[in-house]
C-alpha atoms as a PDB file:
ATOM      1  CA  MET A   1       0.040   0.063   0.112  1.00  0.00           C
ATOM      2  CA  LEU A   2       1.403   3.710  -0.867  1.00  0.00           C
ATOM      3  CA  LEU A   3       3.232   5.311   1.871  1.00  0.00           C
ATOM      4  CA  TRP A   4       1.042   8.145   1.809  1.00  0.00           C
ATOM      5  CA  VAL A   5      -1.566   6.316   2.966  1.00  0.00           C
ATOM      6  CA  TRP A   6       0.008   5.416   6.244  1.00  0.00           C
ATOM      7  CA  MET A   7       1.092   9.167   6.604  1.00  0.00           C
ATOM      8  CA  VAL A   8      -2.574  10.222   6.032  1.00  0.00           C
ATOM      9  CA  ALA A   9      -3.755   7.634   8.644  1.00  0.00           C
ATOM     10  CA  LEU A  10      -0.934   9.213  11.061  1.00  0.00           C
ATOM     11  CA  MET A  11      -2.645  12.738  10.317  1.00  0.00           C
ATOM     12  CA  VAL A  12      -5.887  11.395  11.223  1.00  0.00           C
ATOM     13  CA  GLY A  13      -4.779  10.732  14.800  1.00  0.00           C
ATOM     14  CA  LEU A  14      -3.106  14.149  14.889  1.00  0.00           C
ATOM     15  CA  VAL A  15      -6.057  15.843  13.886  1.00  0.00           C
ATOM     16  CA  LEU A  16      -8.232  14.017  16.692  1.00  0.00           C
ATOM     17  CA  GLY A  17      -5.574  15.244  19.131  1.00  0.00           C
ATOM     18  CA  LEU A  18      -5.431  18.463  18.285  1.00  0.00           C
ATOM     19  CA  PHE A  19      -9.385  19.422  17.535  1.00  0.00           C
ATOM     20  CA  GLY A  20     -11.075  16.419  19.399  1.00  0.00           C
ATOM     21  CA  ALA A  21     -12.388  16.009  16.121  1.00  0.00           C
ATOM     22  CA  GLY A  22     -11.978  15.573  12.098  1.00  0.00           C
ATOM     23  CA  GLY A  23     -10.777  11.895  12.382  1.00  0.00           C
ATOM     24  CA  GLY A  24     -13.477  10.573  10.083  1.00  0.00           C
ATOM     25  CA  MET A  25     -13.497  13.297   7.968  1.00  0.00           C
ATOM     26  CA  LEU A  26     -10.103  12.070   6.868  1.00  0.00           C
ATOM     27  CA  SER A  27     -10.263   8.581   7.490  1.00  0.00           C
ATOM     28  CA  VAL A  28     -13.590   7.875   5.154  1.00  0.00           C
ATOM     29  CA  PRO A  29     -11.818   9.479   2.029  1.00  0.00           C
ATOM     30  CA  LEU A  30      -8.691   7.962   2.711  1.00  0.00           C
ATOM     31  CA  LEU A  31     -10.284   4.198   3.027  1.00  0.00           C
ATOM     32  CA  ILE A  32     -12.335   4.857  -0.119  1.00  0.00           C
ATOM     33  CA  TYR A  33      -9.906   6.385  -2.343  1.00  0.00           C
ATOM     34  CA  GLY A  34      -6.521   5.207  -0.908  1.00  0.00           C
ATOM     35  CA  VAL A  35      -7.288   1.680   0.074  1.00  0.00           C
ATOM     36  CA  GLY A  36     -10.352   1.006  -2.298  1.00  0.00           C
ATOM     37  CA  LEU A  37     -12.963   0.192   0.224  1.00  0.00           C
ATOM     38  CA  PRO A  38     -16.764   0.490  -0.346  1.00  0.00           C
ATOM     39  CA  ILE A  39     -18.335   3.302   1.460  1.00  0.00           C
ATOM     40  CA  LYS A  40     -20.215   0.954   3.791  1.00  0.00           C
ATOM     41  CA  GLU A  41     -16.823  -0.993   4.917  1.00  0.00           C
ATOM     42  CA  ALA A  42     -14.955   2.423   5.074  1.00  0.00           C
ATOM     43  CA  VAL A  43     -17.753   4.142   7.374  1.00  0.00           C
ATOM     44  CA  VAL A  44     -17.520   0.876   9.618  1.00  0.00           C
ATOM     45  CA  MET A  45     -13.718   1.170   9.793  1.00  0.00           C
ATOM     46  CA  SER A  46     -13.530   4.634  10.497  1.00  0.00           C
ATOM     47  CA  ILE A  47     -16.187   4.296  13.382  1.00  0.00           C
ATOM     48  CA  TRP A  48     -13.994   1.862  14.980  1.00  0.00           C
ATOM     49  CA  LEU A  49     -10.731   3.992  14.421  1.00  0.00           C
ATOM     50  CA  VAL A  50     -12.177   6.984  15.773  1.00  0.00           C
ATOM     51  CA  ALA A  51     -13.638   5.349  18.755  1.00  0.00           C
ATOM     52  CA  VAL A  52     -10.057   3.702  19.656  1.00  0.00           C
ATOM     53  CA  VAL A  53      -8.145   6.795  18.745  1.00  0.00           C
ATOM     54  CA  SER A  54     -10.352   9.497  20.514  1.00  0.00           C
ATOM     55  CA  LEU A  55     -10.111   7.015  23.794  1.00  0.00           C
ATOM     56  CA  VAL A  56      -6.271   6.980  23.552  1.00  0.00           C
ATOM     57  CA  ALA A  57      -6.283  10.977  23.034  1.00  0.00           C
ATOM     58  CA  ALA A  58      -8.628  11.116  25.989  1.00  0.00           C
ATOM     59  CA  LEU A  59      -6.475   9.190  28.468  1.00  0.00           C
ATOM     60  CA  HIS A  60      -3.322  10.915  27.250  1.00  0.00           C
ATOM     61  CA  GLN A  61      -4.502  14.355  27.843  1.00  0.00           C
ATOM     62  CA  ARG A  62      -6.014  13.161  31.250  1.00  0.00           C
ATOM     63  CA  VAL A  63      -9.371  14.580  30.593  1.00  0.00           C
ATOM     64  CA  TRP A  64     -10.832  13.823  33.675  1.00  0.00           C
ATOM     65  CA  ARG A  65      -9.458  16.777  35.279  1.00  0.00           C
ATOM     66  CA  VAL A  66     -12.026  18.963  33.283  1.00  0.00           C
ATOM     67  CA  LEU A  67     -14.850  16.961  32.555  1.00  0.00           C
ATOM     68  CA  ARG A  68     -18.506  18.147  33.704  1.00  0.00           C
ATOM     69  CA  LEU A  69     -20.013  14.915  34.514  1.00  0.00           C
ATOM     70  CA  LYS A  70     -23.738  15.958  34.429  1.00  0.00           C
ATOM     71  CA  LEU A  71     -23.364  17.614  30.541  1.00  0.00           C
ATOM     72  CA  LEU A  72     -21.340  14.689  29.586  1.00  0.00           C
ATOM     73  CA  ALA A  73     -23.343  11.967  30.759  1.00  0.00           C
ATOM     74  CA  PHE A  74     -26.626  13.567  28.916  1.00  0.00           C
ATOM     75  CA  PHE A  75     -24.676  14.344  25.759  1.00  0.00           C
ATOM     76  CA  ALA A  76     -22.999  10.885  25.891  1.00  0.00           C
ATOM     77  CA  PHE A  77     -26.450   8.979  26.711  1.00  0.00           C
ATOM     78  CA  GLY A  78     -27.865  10.982  23.606  1.00  0.00           C
ATOM     79  CA  GLY A  79     -25.069   9.970  21.377  1.00  0.00           C
ATOM     80  CA  ILE A  80     -25.108   6.411  22.304  1.00  0.00           C
ATOM     81  CA  LEU A  81     -28.971   6.220  21.187  1.00  0.00           C
ATOM     82  CA  GLY A  82     -28.135   8.251  18.081  1.00  0.00           C
ATOM     83  CA  GLY A  83     -25.052   6.385  17.334  1.00  0.00           C
ATOM     84  CA  ALA A  84     -26.922   2.862  17.513  1.00  0.00           C
ATOM     85  CA  LEU A  85     -29.863   4.407  15.539  1.00  0.00           C
ATOM     86  CA  GLY A  86     -27.836   5.957  12.788  1.00  0.00           C
ATOM     87  CA  ALA A  87     -25.891   2.396  12.217  1.00  0.00           C
ATOM     88  CA  ARG A  88     -29.317   0.832  11.718  1.00  0.00           C
ATOM     89  CA  LEU A  89     -30.630   3.411   9.345  1.00  0.00           C
ATOM     90  CA  ALA A  90     -27.378   3.339   7.377  1.00  0.00           C
ATOM     91  CA  GLY A  91     -27.832  -0.012   6.110  1.00  0.00           C
ATOM     92  CA  GLY A  92     -30.873   0.978   4.207  1.00  0.00           C
ATOM     93  CA  ILE A  93     -29.072   4.015   2.539  1.00  0.00           C
ATOM     94  CA  PRO A  94     -27.853   3.544  -1.173  1.00  0.00           C
ATOM     95  CA  ASP A  95     -23.959   3.961  -1.160  1.00  0.00           C
ATOM     96  CA  ILE A  96     -24.028   7.116  -3.718  1.00  0.00           C
ATOM     97  CA  LEU A  97     -26.230   8.772  -1.337  1.00  0.00           C
ATOM     98  CA  GLN A  98     -24.300   7.968   1.866  1.00  0.00           C
ATOM     99  CA  GLN A  99     -21.141   9.422   0.119  1.00  0.00           C
ATOM    100  CA  PHE A 100     -23.111  12.455  -1.042  1.00  0.00           C
ATOM    101  CA  LEU A 101     -24.297  13.028   2.560  1.00  0.00           C
ATOM    102  CA  PHE A 102     -20.801  12.825   3.553  1.00  0.00           C
ATOM    103  CA  VAL A 103     -19.808  15.582   0.967  1.00  0.00           C
ATOM    104  CA  LEU A 104     -22.516  17.676   2.290  1.00  0.00           C
ATOM    105  CA  LEU A 105     -21.386  17.213   5.765  1.00  0.00           C
ATOM    106  CA  LEU A 106     -17.896  18.162   5.017  1.00  0.00           C
ATOM    107  CA  ILE A 107     -19.030  21.466   3.373  1.00  0.00           C
ATOM    108  CA  GLY A 108     -21.090  21.991   6.034  1.00  0.00           C
ATOM    109  CA  VAL A 109     -18.586  21.715   8.514  1.00  0.00           C
ATOM    110  CA  SER A 110     -15.872  23.726   6.611  1.00  0.00           C
ATOM    111  CA  LEU A 111     -18.302  26.490   6.491  1.00  0.00           C
ATOM    112  CA  TRP A 112     -19.106  26.398  10.036  1.00  0.00           C
ATOM    113  CA  MET A 113     -15.347  26.403  11.002  1.00  0.00           C
ATOM    114  CA  LEU A 114     -14.991  29.670   9.032  1.00  0.00           C
ATOM    115  CA  ARG A 115     -17.443  31.414  11.208  1.00  0.00           C
ATOM    116  CA  VAL A 116     -16.720  29.867  14.748  1.00  0.00           C
ATOM    117  CA  LYS A 117     -14.401  31.575  16.841  1.00  0.00           C
ATOM    118  CA  ASN A 118     -13.266  29.429  19.830  1.00  0.00           C
ATOM    119  CA  ARG A 119     -12.458  30.686  22.943  1.00  0.00           C
ATOM    120  CA  ASP A 120      -9.012  30.105  24.103  1.00  0.00           C
ATOM    121  CA  THR A 121      -9.185  31.379  27.796  1.00  0.00           C
ATOM    122  CA  ALA A 122     -11.422  30.156  30.351  1.00  0.00           C
ATOM    123  CA  GLU A 123     -14.543  31.589  31.257  1.00  0.00           C
ATOM    124  CA  PRO A 124     -17.378  30.678  33.777  1.00  0.00           C
ATOM    125  CA  ASP A 125     -19.377  27.731  32.940  1.00  0.00           C
ATOM    126  CA  ALA A 126     -22.972  27.902  32.189  1.00  0.00           C
ATOM    127  CA  PRO A 127     -25.394  25.418  33.880  1.00  0.00           C
ATOM    128  CA  CYS A 128     -26.414  22.506  31.977  1.00  0.00           C
ATOM    129  CA  ASN A 129     -29.327  22.453  29.794  1.00  0.00           C
ATOM    130  CA  CYS A 130     -30.132  18.798  29.904  1.00  0.00           C
ATOM    131  CA  LEU A 131     -32.968  18.035  27.505  1.00  0.00           C
ATOM    132  CA  LEU A 132     -31.012  20.417  24.814  1.00  0.00           C
ATOM    133  CA  THR A 133     -27.856  18.210  25.721  1.00  0.00           C
ATOM    134  CA  LEU A 134     -29.808  14.861  25.185  1.00  0.00           C
ATOM    135  CA  LEU A 135     -31.246  15.894  21.872  1.00  0.00           C
ATOM    136  CA  VAL A 136     -28.058  17.520  20.430  1.00  0.00           C
ATOM    137  CA  GLY A 137     -26.525  14.029  21.631  1.00  0.00           C
ATOM    138  CA  ILE A 138     -28.884  12.230  19.532  1.00  0.00           C
ATOM    139  CA  LEU A 139     -28.016  14.205  16.482  1.00  0.00           C
ATOM    140  CA  VAL A 140     -24.359  14.320  16.682  1.00  0.00           C
ATOM    141  CA  GLY A 141     -24.505  10.223  17.406  1.00  0.00           C
ATOM    142  CA  GLY A 142     -26.606   9.691  14.273  1.00  0.00           C
ATOM    143  CA  LEU A 143     -24.043  11.227  12.190  1.00  0.00           C
ATOM    144  CA  THR A 144     -21.434   9.109  13.614  1.00  0.00           C
ATOM    145  CA  GLY A 145     -23.738   6.027  13.214  1.00  0.00           C
ATOM    146  CA  ILE A 146     -24.629   7.075   9.436  1.00  0.00           C
ATOM    147  CA  LEU A 147     -21.556   8.582   8.044  1.00  0.00           C
ATOM    148  CA  GLY A 148     -18.739   7.227  10.143  1.00  0.00           C
ATOM    149  CA  VAL A 149     -17.379  10.653  11.596  1.00  0.00           C
ATOM    150  CA  GLY A 150     -17.180  11.450  15.571  1.00  0.00           C
ATOM    151  CA  ALA A 151     -18.787  14.944  14.415  1.00  0.00           C
ATOM    152  CA  GLY A 152     -16.706  16.536  16.661  1.00  0.00           C
ATOM    153  CA  PHE A 153     -16.073  19.729  14.558  1.00  0.00           C
ATOM    154  CA  LEU A 154     -19.788  20.095  15.312  1.00  0.00           C
ATOM    155  CA  MET A 155     -19.562  19.286  18.841  1.00  0.00           C
ATOM    156  CA  VAL A 156     -16.589  21.449  20.124  1.00  0.00           C
ATOM    157  CA  PRO A 157     -18.414  24.749  18.828  1.00  0.00           C
ATOM    158  CA  ILE A 158     -21.849  23.127  20.193  1.00  0.00           C
ATOM    159  CA  LEU A 159     -20.264  22.473  23.635  1.00  0.00           C
ATOM    160  CA  ILE A 160     -18.775  26.081  24.040  1.00  0.00           C
ATOM    161  CA  ALA A 161     -22.085  27.623  23.133  1.00  0.00           C
ATOM    162  CA  MET A 162     -24.101  25.458  25.904  1.00  0.00           C
ATOM    163  CA  GLY A 163     -21.192  26.757  28.424  1.00  0.00           C
ATOM    164  CA  VAL A 164     -18.242  24.624  28.384  1.00  0.00           C
ATOM    165  CA  SER A 165     -15.246  27.085  29.403  1.00  0.00           C
ATOM    166  CA  HIS A 166     -12.843  27.045  26.618  1.00  0.00           C
ATOM    167  CA  LEU A 167     -11.430  25.142  23.857  1.00  0.00           C
ATOM    168  CA  PRO A 168      -9.261  22.429  25.465  1.00  0.00           C
ATOM    169  CA  THR A 169     -11.818  21.729  27.840  1.00  0.00           C
ATOM    170  CA  ALA A 170     -14.351  21.160  24.952  1.00  0.00           C
ATOM    171  CA  VAL A 171     -11.961  18.973  23.229  1.00  0.00           C
ATOM    172  CA  ALA A 172     -11.580  17.058  26.270  1.00  0.00           C
ATOM    173  CA  HIS A 173     -15.418  16.451  26.121  1.00  0.00           C
ATOM    174  CA  SER A 174     -15.560  15.909  22.490  1.00  0.00           C
ATOM    175  CA  LEU A 175     -12.953  12.908  22.684  1.00  0.00           C
ATOM    176  CA  VAL A 176     -15.001  11.103  25.264  1.00  0.00           C
ATOM    177  CA  LEU A 177     -18.186  11.792  23.570  1.00  0.00           C
ATOM    178  CA  ILE A 178     -16.909  10.613  20.050  1.00  0.00           C
ATOM    179  CA  ALA A 179     -15.427   7.238  21.926  1.00  0.00           C
ATOM    180  CA  CYS A 180     -19.021   6.743  23.250  1.00  0.00           C
ATOM    181  CA  ASN A 181     -20.990   7.383  20.183  1.00  0.00           C
ATOM    182  CA  ALA A 182     -18.528   5.631  17.802  1.00  0.00           C
ATOM    183  CA  THR A 183     -18.443   2.512  19.885  1.00  0.00           C
ATOM    184  CA  ALA A 184     -22.052   2.425  20.237  1.00  0.00           C
ATOM    185  CA  ALA A 185     -22.417   2.594  16.362  1.00  0.00           C
ATOM    186  CA  GLY A 186     -19.483   0.094  15.591  1.00  0.00           C
ATOM    187  CA  ILE A 187     -21.401  -2.405  17.874  1.00  0.00           C
ATOM    188  CA  SER A 188     -24.708  -1.803  15.941  1.00  0.00           C
ATOM    189  CA  TYR A 189     -22.647  -2.645  12.847  1.00  0.00           C
ATOM    190  CA  ILE A 190     -21.330  -6.074  13.805  1.00  0.00           C
ATOM    191  CA  GLY A 191     -22.551  -8.750  11.711  1.00  0.00           C
ATOM    192  CA  VAL A 192     -23.929  -6.137   9.208  1.00  0.00           C
ATOM    193  CA  VAL A 193     -20.767  -4.956   7.400  1.00  0.00           C
ATOM    194  CA  SER A 194     -17.760  -6.733   7.746  1.00  0.00           C
ATOM    195  CA  VAL A 195     -14.221  -5.234   8.031  1.00  0.00           C
ATOM    196  CA  GLU A 196     -10.474  -5.835   7.041  1.00  0.00           C
ATOM    197  CA  LEU A 197      -8.965  -6.379  10.670  1.00  0.00           C
ATOM    198  CA  ASN A 198      -5.221  -6.035   9.554  1.00  0.00           C
ATOM    199  CA  ILE A 199      -5.899  -2.849   7.826  1.00  0.00           C
ATOM    200  CA  LEU A 200      -8.075  -1.757  10.687  1.00  0.00           C
ATOM    201  CA  VAL A 201      -5.446  -2.594  13.365  1.00  0.00           C
ATOM    202  CA  LEU A 202      -2.646  -1.011  11.405  1.00  0.00           C
ATOM    203  CA  PHE A 203      -4.569   2.297  10.686  1.00  0.00           C
ATOM    204  CA  ILE A 204      -5.085   2.311  14.673  1.00  0.00           C
ATOM    205  CA  ILE A 205      -1.780   2.042  15.496  1.00  0.00           C
ATOM    206  CA  LEU A 206      -0.470   4.897  13.434  1.00  0.00           C
ATOM    207  CA  ALA A 207      -3.760   7.185  14.327  1.00  0.00           C
ATOM    208  CA  ALA A 208      -3.115   6.596  17.836  1.00  0.00           C
ATOM    209  CA  THR A 209       0.388   7.696  17.463  1.00  0.00           C
ATOM    210  CA  GLY A 210      -0.676  10.751  15.789  1.00  0.00           C
ATOM    211  CA  ALA A 211      -3.193  11.471  18.401  1.00  0.00           C
ATOM    212  CA  LEU A 212      -0.557  11.070  21.243  1.00  0.00           C
ATOM    213  CA  LEU A 213       1.650  13.786  19.232  1.00  0.00           C
ATOM    214  CA  GLY A 214      -1.586  16.393  18.535  1.00  0.00           C
ATOM    215  CA  GLY A 215      -2.454  16.182  22.483  1.00  0.00           C
ATOM    216  CA  LEU A 216       1.266  17.641  22.928  1.00  0.00           C
ATOM    217  CA  LEU A 217       0.870  20.236  20.422  1.00  0.00           C
ATOM    218  CA  LEU A 218      -2.515  21.154  21.486  1.00  0.00           C
ATOM    219  CA  LYS A 219      -1.490  24.237  23.785  1.00  0.00           C
ATOM    220  CA  ARG A 220       1.871  25.073  21.605  1.00  0.00           C
ATOM    221  CA  LEU A 221       0.459  25.847  18.042  1.00  0.00           C
ATOM    222  CA  PRO A 222      -1.762  28.870  17.025  1.00  0.00           C
ATOM    223  CA  MET A 223      -4.794  27.384  16.662  1.00  0.00           C
ATOM    224  CA  ALA A 224      -6.489  29.904  14.711  1.00  0.00           C
ATOM    225  CA  LYS A 225      -4.054  29.288  11.649  1.00  0.00           C
ATOM    226  CA  VAL A 226      -3.936  25.372  11.941  1.00  0.00           C
ATOM    227  CA  GLN A 227      -7.889  25.626  12.152  1.00  0.00           C
ATOM    228  CA  GLY A 228      -8.074  27.864   9.148  1.00  0.00           C
ATOM    229  CA  GLY A 229      -5.550  25.869   7.025  1.00  0.00           C
ATOM    230  CA  PHE A 230      -7.532  22.360   7.969  1.00  0.00           C
ATOM    231  CA  THR A 231     -10.582  23.943   6.861  1.00  0.00           C
ATOM    232  CA  VAL A 232      -9.310  24.692   3.241  1.00  0.00           C
ATOM    233  CA  PHE A 233      -8.203  20.936   3.167  1.00  0.00           C
ATOM    234  CA  LEU A 234     -11.652  19.673   3.973  1.00  0.00           C
ATOM    235  CA  LEU A 235     -13.311  21.759   1.340  1.00  0.00           C
ATOM    236  CA  LEU A 236     -10.708  20.488  -1.271  1.00  0.00           C
ATOM    237  CA  ILE A 237     -11.660  16.662  -0.002  1.00  0.00           C
ATOM    238  CA  ALA A 238     -15.246  17.618  -0.553  1.00  0.00           C
ATOM    239  CA  LEU A 239     -14.546  19.128  -3.886  1.00  0.00           C
ATOM    240  CA  PHE A 240     -12.522  16.074  -5.100  1.00  0.00           C
ATOM    241  CA  MET A 241     -15.234  13.604  -3.677  1.00  0.00           C
ATOM    242  CA  LEU A 242     -17.915  15.779  -5.159  1.00  0.00           C
ATOM    243  CA  PHE A 243     -16.569  15.484  -8.553  1.00  0.00           C
ATOM    244  CA  ASP A 244     -16.130  11.646  -8.270  1.00  0.00           C
ATOM    245  CA  LEU A 245     -19.584  11.254  -7.715  1.00  0.00           C
ATOM    246  CA  ALA A 246     -20.759  13.787 -10.582  1.00  0.00           C
ATOM    247  CA  SER A 247     -18.565  11.408 -12.745  1.00  0.00           C
ATOM    248  CA  VAL A 248     -20.032   8.243 -11.638  1.00  0.00           C
ATOM    249  CA  PHE A 249     -23.460   9.558 -11.782  1.00  0.00           C
ATOM    250  CA  PHE A 250     -22.989  10.707 -15.706  1.00  0.00           C
ATOM    251  CA  ILE A 251     -21.148   7.478 -16.555  1.00  0.00           C
ATOM    252  CA  ALA A 252     -24.174   5.698 -15.147  1.00  0.00           C
ATOM    253  CA  GLU A 253     -26.341   7.798 -17.305  1.00  0.00           C
END
């Protein structure tokens, strides 16, 4: 397999460690175009990848020191429900529609990131709106189950808007929530979609290494510039996948 595929696998973990998000948005296209997997298998492999790597990054960053347990519990419960439901729904979605939805998510998240300004200094925490937290958790978990992404680039700004004090704290919550949502979705896929375990294990090892590096760099890099560069990168991936879908559609016609 090409060296660049393994390099991007390392980058998947690096992005997760830095932002608490973004692993699935890289790993799904990588598995489709770099490894040649069909989208459903790529989604399942991505789900297990982000589940394990998010947990590794959370442990490395010792997130338990900053977690708000009430907020986390409602968000995680909703995410687990949404992840399991999304995985079940995904089985009946045509591959081309599933890939198109993934492209729309990439574009939407990229536009969101251009507008969102993350706090880099701590502010007083707002009280937990538990019902809203539960509903948002179900929505984010559903995206994980259907598209194989942790949806952290939505989760981190949402957590900040819901009163989490600042970016590193939101990233800590996001890593735990992604691990919960993705595990629930991955379990729901067992017996439905098979995966190549040898590829998955190697990807997890490389991505976990990247996640540890990302955790070390989290407080040392100018995050605004890093986020801006990654936003452009996501848009380029979306445009490439959209072009690929269009070519498939016209060939089929």
